[in-house]
């Protein structure tokens, strides 16, 4: 009898312990911040059609004139699909992925400070079309636009206006740029920041960045097969080097800033990824 009583007590103790462990694991799952998240706009926006609204964008960044769109609020999408979850927003950035490989990023904090909208239709388009024929191939499926008040107008150039937008991903500065970061070499930080703001939306270093333009460090660093002077002249006038180059001339880039960028790129030549 004592033996069976012992077994019963042991079973009860183990059962309670198991439930307690399950509760602890569940609590950890609930309370652990989410660090990986992406929103496929082509799946989400069709089921959010009731949230579409008409919006006038004054002096649209691409068209350089006022444009009327059907849009859905970026804040609404983020609040519903991102911030309603237990997201770790420390060091968080949003990555805007486009069908042509363009891949701008913005700090989540900066996005939340401004009024962004995903444009799904240009009201100047023909019936049953979302975009005018001139930009249909570029803008499908979506286009990110912004409105400004007087307070935020001065920071307009910090915002991305990607077209052909299909996905928004959550990442973190320390993770997204780890392979391209000039670790333990602060003297190249200014060049890295200039590269990130001027070049990384289209080009990558160690596979970090966009894919619209060529990778610049792996497997060969661009300075291993192009002279610095050729690189400078190319970015000032791409079509004088390459027929029908998609790269726009970077007329506003100062030579001093270019030199900081090229010094960073040269530094990364000895810091290639292992693949």
C-alpha atoms as a PDB file:
ATOM      1  CA  UNK A   1       0.000   0.000   0.000  1.00  0.00           C
ATOM      2  CA  UNK A   2       2.812   2.418   0.896  1.00  0.00           C
ATOM      3  CA  UNK A   3       4.484   1.570  -2.410  1.00  0.00           C
ATOM      4  CA  UNK A   4       1.396   2.509  -4.439  1.00  0.00           C
ATOM      5  CA  UNK A   5       0.915   5.685  -2.380  1.00  0.00           C
ATOM      6  CA  UNK A   6       4.515   6.612  -3.131  1.00  0.00           C
ATOM      7  CA  UNK A   7       3.961   6.100  -6.879  1.00  0.00           C
ATOM      8  CA  UNK A   8       0.811   8.229  -6.784  1.00  0.00           C
ATOM      9  CA  UNK A   9       2.574  11.078  -4.992  1.00  0.00           C
ATOM     10  CA  UNK A  10       5.528  10.894  -7.396  1.00  0.00           C
ATOM     11  CA  UNK A  11       3.183  10.981 -10.389  1.00  0.00           C
ATOM     12  CA  UNK A  12       1.342  14.021  -8.991  1.00  0.00           C
ATOM     13  CA  UNK A  13       4.598  15.870  -8.339  1.00  0.00           C
ATOM     14  CA  UNK A  14       5.875  15.147 -11.864  1.00  0.00           C
ATOM     15  CA  UNK A  15       2.555  16.213 -13.354  1.00  0.00           C
ATOM     16  CA  UNK A  16       2.625  19.545 -11.511  1.00  0.00           C
ATOM     17  CA  UNK A  17       6.254  20.052 -12.460  1.00  0.00           C
ATOM     18  CA  UNK A  18       5.478  19.350 -16.124  1.00  0.00           C
ATOM     19  CA  UNK A  19       2.567  21.823 -16.125  1.00  0.00           C
ATOM     20  CA  UNK A  20       4.715  24.423 -14.426  1.00  0.00           C
ATOM     21  CA  UNK A  21       7.419  23.952 -17.053  1.00  0.00           C
ATOM     22  CA  UNK A  22       4.843  24.189 -19.836  1.00  0.00           C
ATOM     23  CA  UNK A  23       3.519  27.394 -18.279  1.00  0.00           C
ATOM     24  CA  UNK A  24       7.057  28.792 -18.031  1.00  0.00           C
ATOM     25  CA  UNK A  25       7.823  27.951 -21.666  1.00  0.00           C
ATOM     26  CA  UNK A  26       4.519  29.489 -22.762  1.00  0.00           C
ATOM     27  CA  UNK A  27       5.273  32.630 -20.784  1.00  0.00           C
ATOM     28  CA  UNK A  28       8.712  32.836 -22.421  1.00  0.00           C
ATOM     29  CA  UNK A  29       7.125  32.515 -25.864  1.00  0.00           C
ATOM     30  CA  UNK A  30       4.612  35.244 -25.029  1.00  0.00           C
ATOM     31  CA  UNK A  31       7.109  37.627 -23.457  1.00  0.00           C
ATOM     32  CA  UNK A  32      10.115  37.063 -25.750  1.00  0.00           C
ATOM     33  CA  UNK A  33      10.368  40.003 -28.190  1.00  0.00           C
ATOM     34  CA  UNK A  34       9.821  39.093 -31.848  1.00  0.00           C
ATOM     35  CA  UNK A  35      12.825  40.005 -33.997  1.00  0.00           C
ATOM     36  CA  UNK A  36      11.931  38.536 -37.382  1.00  0.00           C
ATOM     37  CA  UNK A  37       8.885  39.792 -39.242  1.00  0.00           C
ATOM     38  CA  UNK A  38       7.848  40.537 -42.798  1.00  0.00           C
ATOM     39  CA  UNK A  39       4.660  41.736 -44.443  1.00  0.00           C
ATOM     40  CA  UNK A  40       3.891  40.523 -47.961  1.00  0.00           C
ATOM     41  CA  UNK A  41       1.834  43.439 -49.248  1.00  0.00           C
ATOM     42  CA  UNK A  42       0.496  41.447 -52.200  1.00  0.00           C
ATOM     43  CA  UNK A  43      -1.226  39.128 -49.725  1.00  0.00           C
ATOM     44  CA  UNK A  44      -2.303  41.653 -47.100  1.00  0.00           C
ATOM     45  CA  UNK A  45      -3.587  44.625 -49.109  1.00  0.00           C
ATOM     46  CA  UNK A  46      -6.232  42.668 -51.100  1.00  0.00           C
ATOM     47  CA  UNK A  47      -7.875  41.644 -47.813  1.00  0.00           C
ATOM     48  CA  UNK A  48      -7.695  45.211 -46.448  1.00  0.00           C
ATOM     49  CA  UNK A  49      -9.586  46.863 -49.319  1.00  0.00           C
ATOM     50  CA  UNK A  50     -12.112  48.462 -46.969  1.00  0.00           C
ATOM     51  CA  UNK A  51      -9.257  50.567 -45.559  1.00  0.00           C
ATOM     52  CA  UNK A  52      -8.436  52.196 -48.903  1.00  0.00           C
ATOM     53  CA  UNK A  53      -8.847  55.965 -49.089  1.00  0.00           C
ATOM     54  CA  UNK A  54      -8.317  58.707 -51.650  1.00  0.00           C
ATOM     55  CA  UNK A  55      -5.301  60.894 -51.000  1.00  0.00           C
ATOM     56  CA  UNK A  56      -3.777  63.903 -52.710  1.00  0.00           C
ATOM     57  CA  UNK A  57       0.025  63.947 -52.643  1.00  0.00           C
ATOM     58  CA  UNK A  58       1.388  67.414 -53.289  1.00  0.00           C
ATOM     59  CA  UNK A  59       4.507  67.563 -55.437  1.00  0.00           C
ATOM     60  CA  UNK A  60       4.962  63.795 -55.650  1.00  0.00           C
ATOM     61  CA  UNK A  61       8.643  62.836 -55.389  1.00  0.00           C
ATOM     62  CA  UNK A  62       8.636  60.858 -58.654  1.00  0.00           C
ATOM     63  CA  UNK A  63       6.201  62.808 -60.841  1.00  0.00           C
ATOM     64  CA  UNK A  64       7.149  66.271 -59.512  1.00  0.00           C
ATOM     65  CA  UNK A  65       3.501  67.341 -59.506  1.00  0.00           C
ATOM     66  CA  UNK A  66       0.341  66.793 -57.459  1.00  0.00           C
ATOM     67  CA  UNK A  67      -1.051  63.271 -57.730  1.00  0.00           C
ATOM     68  CA  UNK A  68      -4.258  61.602 -56.539  1.00  0.00           C
ATOM     69  CA  UNK A  69      -3.980  57.990 -55.355  1.00  0.00           C
ATOM     70  CA  UNK A  70      -5.959  55.267 -53.671  1.00  0.00           C
ATOM     71  CA  UNK A  71      -3.883  54.390 -50.612  1.00  0.00           C
ATOM     72  CA  UNK A  72      -3.784  52.454 -47.387  1.00  0.00           C
ATOM     73  CA  UNK A  73      -2.130  53.905 -44.300  1.00  0.00           C
ATOM     74  CA  UNK A  74       1.313  52.533 -43.525  1.00  0.00           C
ATOM     75  CA  UNK A  75       0.696  53.262 -39.838  1.00  0.00           C
ATOM     76  CA  UNK A  76      -2.453  51.129 -39.969  1.00  0.00           C
ATOM     77  CA  UNK A  77      -0.557  48.180 -41.476  1.00  0.00           C
ATOM     78  CA  UNK A  78       2.279  48.481 -38.971  1.00  0.00           C
ATOM     79  CA  UNK A  79      -0.044  48.810 -35.987  1.00  0.00           C
ATOM     80  CA  UNK A  80      -2.154  45.832 -37.020  1.00  0.00           C
ATOM     81  CA  UNK A  81       0.547  43.440 -38.200  1.00  0.00           C
ATOM     82  CA  UNK A  82       3.665  44.556 -36.356  1.00  0.00           C
ATOM     83  CA  UNK A  83       3.231  46.718 -33.278  1.00  0.00           C
ATOM     84  CA  UNK A  84       0.248  44.703 -31.994  1.00  0.00           C
ATOM     85  CA  UNK A  85       2.735  41.850 -31.509  1.00  0.00           C
ATOM     86  CA  UNK A  86       5.485  41.790 -28.922  1.00  0.00           C
ATOM     87  CA  UNK A  87       8.111  43.371 -31.174  1.00  0.00           C
ATOM     88  CA  UNK A  88      11.577  44.374 -30.065  1.00  0.00           C
ATOM     89  CA  UNK A  89      11.808  47.885 -31.533  1.00  0.00           C
ATOM     90  CA  UNK A  90      15.274  48.628 -30.154  1.00  0.00           C
ATOM     91  CA  UNK A  91      17.596  49.382 -33.072  1.00  0.00           C
ATOM     92  CA  UNK A  92      14.723  48.380 -35.407  1.00  0.00           C
ATOM     93  CA  UNK A  93      14.657  49.306 -39.081  1.00  0.00           C
ATOM     94  CA  UNK A  94      12.173  48.642 -41.869  1.00  0.00           C
ATOM     95  CA  UNK A  95      13.410  47.214 -45.152  1.00  0.00           C
ATOM     96  CA  UNK A  96      11.303  48.088 -48.203  1.00  0.00           C
ATOM     97  CA  UNK A  97      11.754  45.417 -50.867  1.00  0.00           C
ATOM     98  CA  UNK A  98      10.968  46.146 -54.523  1.00  0.00           C
ATOM     99  CA  UNK A  99      10.562  43.838 -57.492  1.00  0.00           C
ATOM    100  CA  UNK A 100      13.538  45.365 -59.334  1.00  0.00           C
ATOM    101  CA  UNK A 101      15.943  44.739 -56.427  1.00  0.00           C
ATOM    102  CA  UNK A 102      15.799  48.272 -55.008  1.00  0.00           C
ATOM    103  CA  UNK A 103      15.966  47.935 -51.223  1.00  0.00           C
ATOM    104  CA  UNK A 104      15.889  51.138 -49.139  1.00  0.00           C
ATOM    105  CA  UNK A 105      15.770  51.028 -45.361  1.00  0.00           C
ATOM    106  CA  UNK A 106      14.456  53.435 -42.742  1.00  0.00           C
ATOM    107  CA  UNK A 107      14.603  53.438 -38.942  1.00  0.00           C
ATOM    108  CA  UNK A 108      11.246  52.304 -37.559  1.00  0.00           C
ATOM    109  CA  UNK A 109      11.250  55.370 -35.304  1.00  0.00           C
ATOM    110  CA  UNK A 110      11.505  57.678 -38.323  1.00  0.00           C
ATOM    111  CA  UNK A 111       8.684  55.856 -40.144  1.00  0.00           C
ATOM    112  CA  UNK A 112       6.382  56.232 -37.151  1.00  0.00           C
ATOM    113  CA  UNK A 113       7.119  59.963 -36.920  1.00  0.00           C
ATOM    114  CA  UNK A 114       5.758  60.557 -40.445  1.00  0.00           C
ATOM    115  CA  UNK A 115       2.579  59.834 -42.396  1.00  0.00           C
ATOM    116  CA  UNK A 116       3.317  57.157 -44.965  1.00  0.00           C
ATOM    117  CA  UNK A 117       0.855  55.482 -47.331  1.00  0.00           C
ATOM    118  CA  UNK A 118       1.043  52.513 -49.655  1.00  0.00           C
ATOM    119  CA  UNK A 119      -0.416  53.717 -52.960  1.00  0.00           C
ATOM    120  CA  UNK A 120      -2.227  50.915 -54.782  1.00  0.00           C
ATOM    121  CA  UNK A 121      -3.765  52.901 -57.657  1.00  0.00           C
ATOM    122  CA  UNK A 122      -3.135  56.125 -59.542  1.00  0.00           C
ATOM    123  CA  UNK A 123      -6.532  57.701 -60.185  1.00  0.00           C
ATOM    124  CA  UNK A 124      -5.210  59.010 -63.498  1.00  0.00           C
ATOM    125  CA  UNK A 125      -4.870  55.426 -64.763  1.00  0.00           C
ATOM    126  CA  UNK A 126      -7.261  53.913 -67.284  1.00  0.00           C
ATOM    127  CA  UNK A 127     -10.308  51.959 -65.989  1.00  0.00           C
ATOM    128  CA  UNK A 128      -9.363  48.519 -64.654  1.00  0.00           C
ATOM    129  CA  UNK A 129      -5.713  49.610 -64.415  1.00  0.00           C
ATOM    130  CA  UNK A 130      -3.818  50.605 -61.283  1.00  0.00           C
ATOM    131  CA  UNK A 131      -1.036  52.579 -62.966  1.00  0.00           C
ATOM    132  CA  UNK A 132      -0.680  54.661 -66.094  1.00  0.00           C
ATOM    133  CA  UNK A 133       0.859  52.877 -69.035  1.00  0.00           C
ATOM    134  CA  UNK A 134       4.072  54.943 -68.773  1.00  0.00           C
ATOM    135  CA  UNK A 135       4.965  53.608 -65.307  1.00  0.00           C
ATOM    136  CA  UNK A 136       2.984  50.370 -65.065  1.00  0.00           C
ATOM    137  CA  UNK A 137       6.050  48.117 -65.355  1.00  0.00           C
ATOM    138  CA  UNK A 138       7.915  50.152 -62.720  1.00  0.00           C
ATOM    139  CA  UNK A 139       5.172  50.787 -60.177  1.00  0.00           C
ATOM    140  CA  UNK A 140       3.371  47.438 -60.014  1.00  0.00           C
ATOM    141  CA  UNK A 141       2.355  46.367 -57.447  1.00  0.00           C
ATOM    142  CA  UNK A 142       2.653  49.336 -55.046  1.00  0.00           C
ATOM    143  CA  UNK A 143       4.312  52.701 -54.390  1.00  0.00           C
ATOM    144  CA  UNK A 144       5.199  54.244 -51.012  1.00  0.00           C
ATOM    145  CA  UNK A 145       4.235  57.927 -50.626  1.00  0.00           C
ATOM    146  CA  UNK A 146       4.261  60.472 -47.794  1.00  0.00           C
ATOM    147  CA  UNK A 147       2.409  63.567 -46.634  1.00  0.00           C
ATOM    148  CA  UNK A 148       3.978  66.329 -44.570  1.00  0.00           C
ATOM    149  CA  UNK A 149       3.032  69.073 -42.214  1.00  0.00           C
ATOM    150  CA  UNK A 150       5.163  72.142 -41.645  1.00  0.00           C
ATOM    151  CA  UNK A 151       7.008  70.437 -38.777  1.00  0.00           C
ATOM    152  CA  UNK A 152       8.214  67.477 -40.827  1.00  0.00           C
ATOM    153  CA  UNK A 153       8.677  69.060 -44.263  1.00  0.00           C
ATOM    154  CA  UNK A 154      12.339  69.767 -43.582  1.00  0.00           C
ATOM    155  CA  UNK A 155      13.040  66.039 -43.177  1.00  0.00           C
ATOM    156  CA  UNK A 156      11.383  65.008 -46.442  1.00  0.00           C
ATOM    157  CA  UNK A 157      14.688  63.914 -48.003  1.00  0.00           C
ATOM    158  CA  UNK A 158      15.165  61.291 -45.252  1.00  0.00           C
ATOM    159  CA  UNK A 159      12.165  59.291 -46.463  1.00  0.00           C
ATOM    160  CA  UNK A 160      12.137  56.550 -49.083  1.00  0.00           C
ATOM    161  CA  UNK A 161       9.679  56.633 -52.004  1.00  0.00           C
ATOM    162  CA  UNK A 162      10.127  53.132 -53.478  1.00  0.00           C
ATOM    163  CA  UNK A 163       7.953  51.974 -56.375  1.00  0.00           C
ATOM    164  CA  UNK A 164       7.425  48.327 -57.328  1.00  0.00           C
ATOM    165  CA  UNK A 165       7.105  47.755 -53.577  1.00  0.00           C
ATOM    166  CA  UNK A 166       5.910  44.285 -52.597  1.00  0.00           C
ATOM    167  CA  UNK A 167       7.263  43.513 -49.119  1.00  0.00           C
ATOM    168  CA  UNK A 168       8.161  45.268 -45.864  1.00  0.00           C
ATOM    169  CA  UNK A 169      10.511  43.475 -43.472  1.00  0.00           C
ATOM    170  CA  UNK A 170      11.575  44.238 -39.929  1.00  0.00           C
ATOM    171  CA  UNK A 171      15.287  44.059 -39.265  1.00  0.00           C
ATOM    172  CA  UNK A 172      17.863  45.582 -36.936  1.00  0.00           C
ATOM    173  CA  UNK A 173      20.815  47.799 -37.688  1.00  0.00           C
ATOM    174  CA  UNK A 174      23.255  45.462 -35.930  1.00  0.00           C
ATOM    175  CA  UNK A 175      21.987  42.497 -37.968  1.00  0.00           C
ATOM    176  CA  UNK A 176      21.122  44.064 -41.325  1.00  0.00           C
ATOM    177  CA  UNK A 177      24.509  45.778 -41.756  1.00  0.00           C
ATOM    178  CA  UNK A 178      26.775  43.389 -39.847  1.00  0.00           C
ATOM    179  CA  UNK A 179      28.636  42.059 -42.898  1.00  0.00           C
ATOM    180  CA  UNK A 180      29.138  45.550 -44.364  1.00  0.00           C
ATOM    181  CA  UNK A 181      30.010  47.380 -41.156  1.00  0.00           C
ATOM    182  CA  UNK A 182      33.642  48.575 -40.746  1.00  0.00           C
ATOM    183  CA  UNK A 183      34.100  46.785 -37.442  1.00  0.00           C
ATOM    184  CA  UNK A 184      36.682  48.273 -35.089  1.00  0.00           C
ATOM    185  CA  UNK A 185      37.618  50.889 -37.686  1.00  0.00           C
ATOM    186  CA  UNK A 186      35.768  54.112 -36.813  1.00  0.00           C
ATOM    187  CA  UNK A 187      37.866  56.021 -39.352  1.00  0.00           C
ATOM    188  CA  UNK A 188      35.730  54.437 -42.112  1.00  0.00           C
ATOM    189  CA  UNK A 189      32.369  55.074 -40.462  1.00  0.00           C
ATOM    190  CA  UNK A 190      31.703  58.323 -42.313  1.00  0.00           C
ATOM    191  CA  UNK A 191      32.358  56.576 -45.616  1.00  0.00           C
ATOM    192  CA  UNK A 192      30.083  53.693 -44.593  1.00  0.00           C
ATOM    193  CA  UNK A 193      27.258  56.093 -43.689  1.00  0.00           C
ATOM    194  CA  UNK A 194      27.660  57.951 -46.986  1.00  0.00           C
ATOM    195  CA  UNK A 195      27.647  54.651 -48.883  1.00  0.00           C
ATOM    196  CA  UNK A 196      24.530  53.542 -47.000  1.00  0.00           C
ATOM    197  CA  UNK A 197      22.627  56.728 -47.773  1.00  0.00           C
ATOM    198  CA  UNK A 198      23.790  57.169 -51.388  1.00  0.00           C
ATOM    199  CA  UNK A 199      24.527  53.707 -52.763  1.00  0.00           C
ATOM    200  CA  UNK A 200      23.180  50.832 -50.681  1.00  0.00           C
ATOM    201  CA  UNK A 201      19.588  51.067 -51.933  1.00  0.00           C
ATOM    202  CA  UNK A 202      20.843  49.705 -55.270  1.00  0.00           C
ATOM    203  CA  UNK A 203      24.271  48.187 -54.541  1.00  0.00           C
ATOM    204  CA  UNK A 204      25.485  45.743 -51.918  1.00  0.00           C
ATOM    205  CA  UNK A 205      28.689  45.190 -49.986  1.00  0.00           C
ATOM    206  CA  UNK A 206      29.134  41.577 -48.862  1.00  0.00           C
ATOM    207  CA  UNK A 207      25.540  40.940 -50.044  1.00  0.00           C
ATOM    208  CA  UNK A 208      24.186  43.690 -47.766  1.00  0.00           C
ATOM    209  CA  UNK A 209      22.052  46.138 -49.715  1.00  0.00           C
ATOM    210  CA  UNK A 210      20.028  46.238 -52.911  1.00  0.00           C
ATOM    211  CA  UNK A 211      20.418  44.097 -56.007  1.00  0.00           C
ATOM    212  CA  UNK A 212      19.311  46.593 -58.663  1.00  0.00           C
ATOM    213  CA  UNK A 213      22.990  47.394 -59.254  1.00  0.00           C
ATOM    214  CA  UNK A 214      26.025  45.088 -58.970  1.00  0.00           C
ATOM    215  CA  UNK A 215      27.605  43.847 -55.746  1.00  0.00           C
ATOM    216  CA  UNK A 216      30.728  45.930 -55.093  1.00  0.00           C
ATOM    217  CA  UNK A 217      32.890  43.734 -52.828  1.00  0.00           C
ATOM    218  CA  UNK A 218      32.176  40.030 -53.346  1.00  0.00           C
ATOM    219  CA  UNK A 219      33.735  38.057 -54.917  1.00  0.00           C
ATOM    220  CA  UNK A 220      35.821  40.962 -56.247  1.00  0.00           C
ATOM    221  CA  UNK A 221      35.961  44.479 -54.886  1.00  0.00           C
ATOM    222  CA  UNK A 222      35.183  47.021 -57.598  1.00  0.00           C
ATOM    223  CA  UNK A 223      38.537  48.739 -56.983  1.00  0.00           C
ATOM    224  CA  UNK A 224      40.262  45.482 -58.015  1.00  0.00           C
ATOM    225  CA  UNK A 225      39.101  45.887 -61.612  1.00  0.00           C
ATOM    226  CA  UNK A 226      38.146  49.589 -61.972  1.00  0.00           C
ATOM    227  CA  UNK A 227      40.328  52.596 -61.291  1.00  0.00           C
ATOM    228  CA  UNK A 228      39.125  55.133 -58.752  1.00  0.00           C
ATOM    229  CA  UNK A 229      38.969  57.803 -61.462  1.00  0.00           C
ATOM    230  CA  UNK A 230      36.803  55.572 -63.687  1.00  0.00           C
ATOM    231  CA  UNK A 231      34.435  54.911 -60.787  1.00  0.00           C
ATOM    232  CA  UNK A 232      34.137  58.641 -60.123  1.00  0.00           C
ATOM    233  CA  UNK A 233      33.513  59.471 -63.783  1.00  0.00           C
ATOM    234  CA  UNK A 234      31.040  56.605 -64.144  1.00  0.00           C
ATOM    235  CA  UNK A 235      28.815  57.695 -61.264  1.00  0.00           C
ATOM    236  CA  UNK A 236      28.806  61.259 -62.605  1.00  0.00           C
ATOM    237  CA  UNK A 237      27.806  60.093 -66.112  1.00  0.00           C
ATOM    238  CA  UNK A 238      26.904  56.376 -66.251  1.00  0.00           C
ATOM    239  CA  UNK A 239      25.652  56.350 -69.846  1.00  0.00           C
ATOM    240  CA  UNK A 240      28.945  57.734 -71.110  1.00  0.00           C
ATOM    241  CA  UNK A 241      30.441  54.419 -69.940  1.00  0.00           C
ATOM    242  CA  UNK A 242      27.608  51.928 -70.358  1.00  0.00           C
ATOM    243  CA  UNK A 243      24.887  51.970 -73.009  1.00  0.00           C
ATOM    244  CA  UNK A 244      21.399  52.261 -71.492  1.00  0.00           C
ATOM    245  CA  UNK A 245      22.773  52.160 -67.949  1.00  0.00           C
ATOM    246  CA  UNK A 246      19.938  52.163 -65.391  1.00  0.00           C
ATOM    247  CA  UNK A 247      22.031  54.131 -62.938  1.00  0.00           C
ATOM    248  CA  UNK A 248      21.097  57.830 -62.753  1.00  0.00           C
ATOM    249  CA  UNK A 249      23.930  60.375 -62.671  1.00  0.00           C
ATOM    250  CA  UNK A 250      24.868  61.301 -59.097  1.00  0.00           C
ATOM    251  CA  UNK A 251      25.366  64.956 -59.876  1.00  0.00           C
ATOM    252  CA  UNK A 252      24.983  66.162 -56.301  1.00  0.00           C
ATOM    253  CA  UNK A 253      27.641  63.866 -54.810  1.00  0.00           C
ATOM    254  CA  UNK A 254      30.650  65.928 -53.804  1.00  0.00           C
ATOM    255  CA  UNK A 255      34.145  64.690 -54.654  1.00  0.00           C
ATOM    256  CA  UNK A 256      35.130  64.802 -50.971  1.00  0.00           C
ATOM    257  CA  UNK A 257      32.205  62.532 -50.068  1.00  0.00           C
ATOM    258  CA  UNK A 258      33.082  60.173 -52.920  1.00  0.00           C
ATOM    259  CA  UNK A 259      36.620  59.882 -51.560  1.00  0.00           C
ATOM    260  CA  UNK A 260      35.268  58.897 -48.140  1.00  0.00           C
ATOM    261  CA  UNK A 261      33.040  56.295 -49.802  1.00  0.00           C
ATOM    262  CA  UNK A 262      35.845  54.840 -51.911  1.00  0.00           C
ATOM    263  CA  UNK A 263      38.138  54.648 -48.872  1.00  0.00           C
ATOM    264  CA  UNK A 264      35.443  52.604 -47.112  1.00  0.00           C
ATOM    265  CA  UNK A 265      35.061  50.332 -50.158  1.00  0.00           C
ATOM    266  CA  UNK A 266      38.833  49.799 -50.345  1.00  0.00           C
ATOM    267  CA  UNK A 267      38.838  48.904 -46.649  1.00  0.00           C
ATOM    268  CA  UNK A 268      36.138  46.279 -47.230  1.00  0.00           C
ATOM    269  CA  UNK A 269      38.321  44.617 -49.889  1.00  0.00           C
ATOM    270  CA  UNK A 270      40.202  42.926 -47.032  1.00  0.00           C
ATOM    271  CA  UNK A 271      36.975  42.117 -45.162  1.00  0.00           C
ATOM    272  CA  UNK A 272      35.054  39.959 -47.621  1.00  0.00           C
ATOM    273  CA  UNK A 273      32.486  37.428 -46.482  1.00  0.00           C
ATOM    274  CA  UNK A 274      33.311  33.746 -46.471  1.00  0.00           C
ATOM    275  CA  UNK A 275      30.900  31.846 -48.634  1.00  0.00           C
END
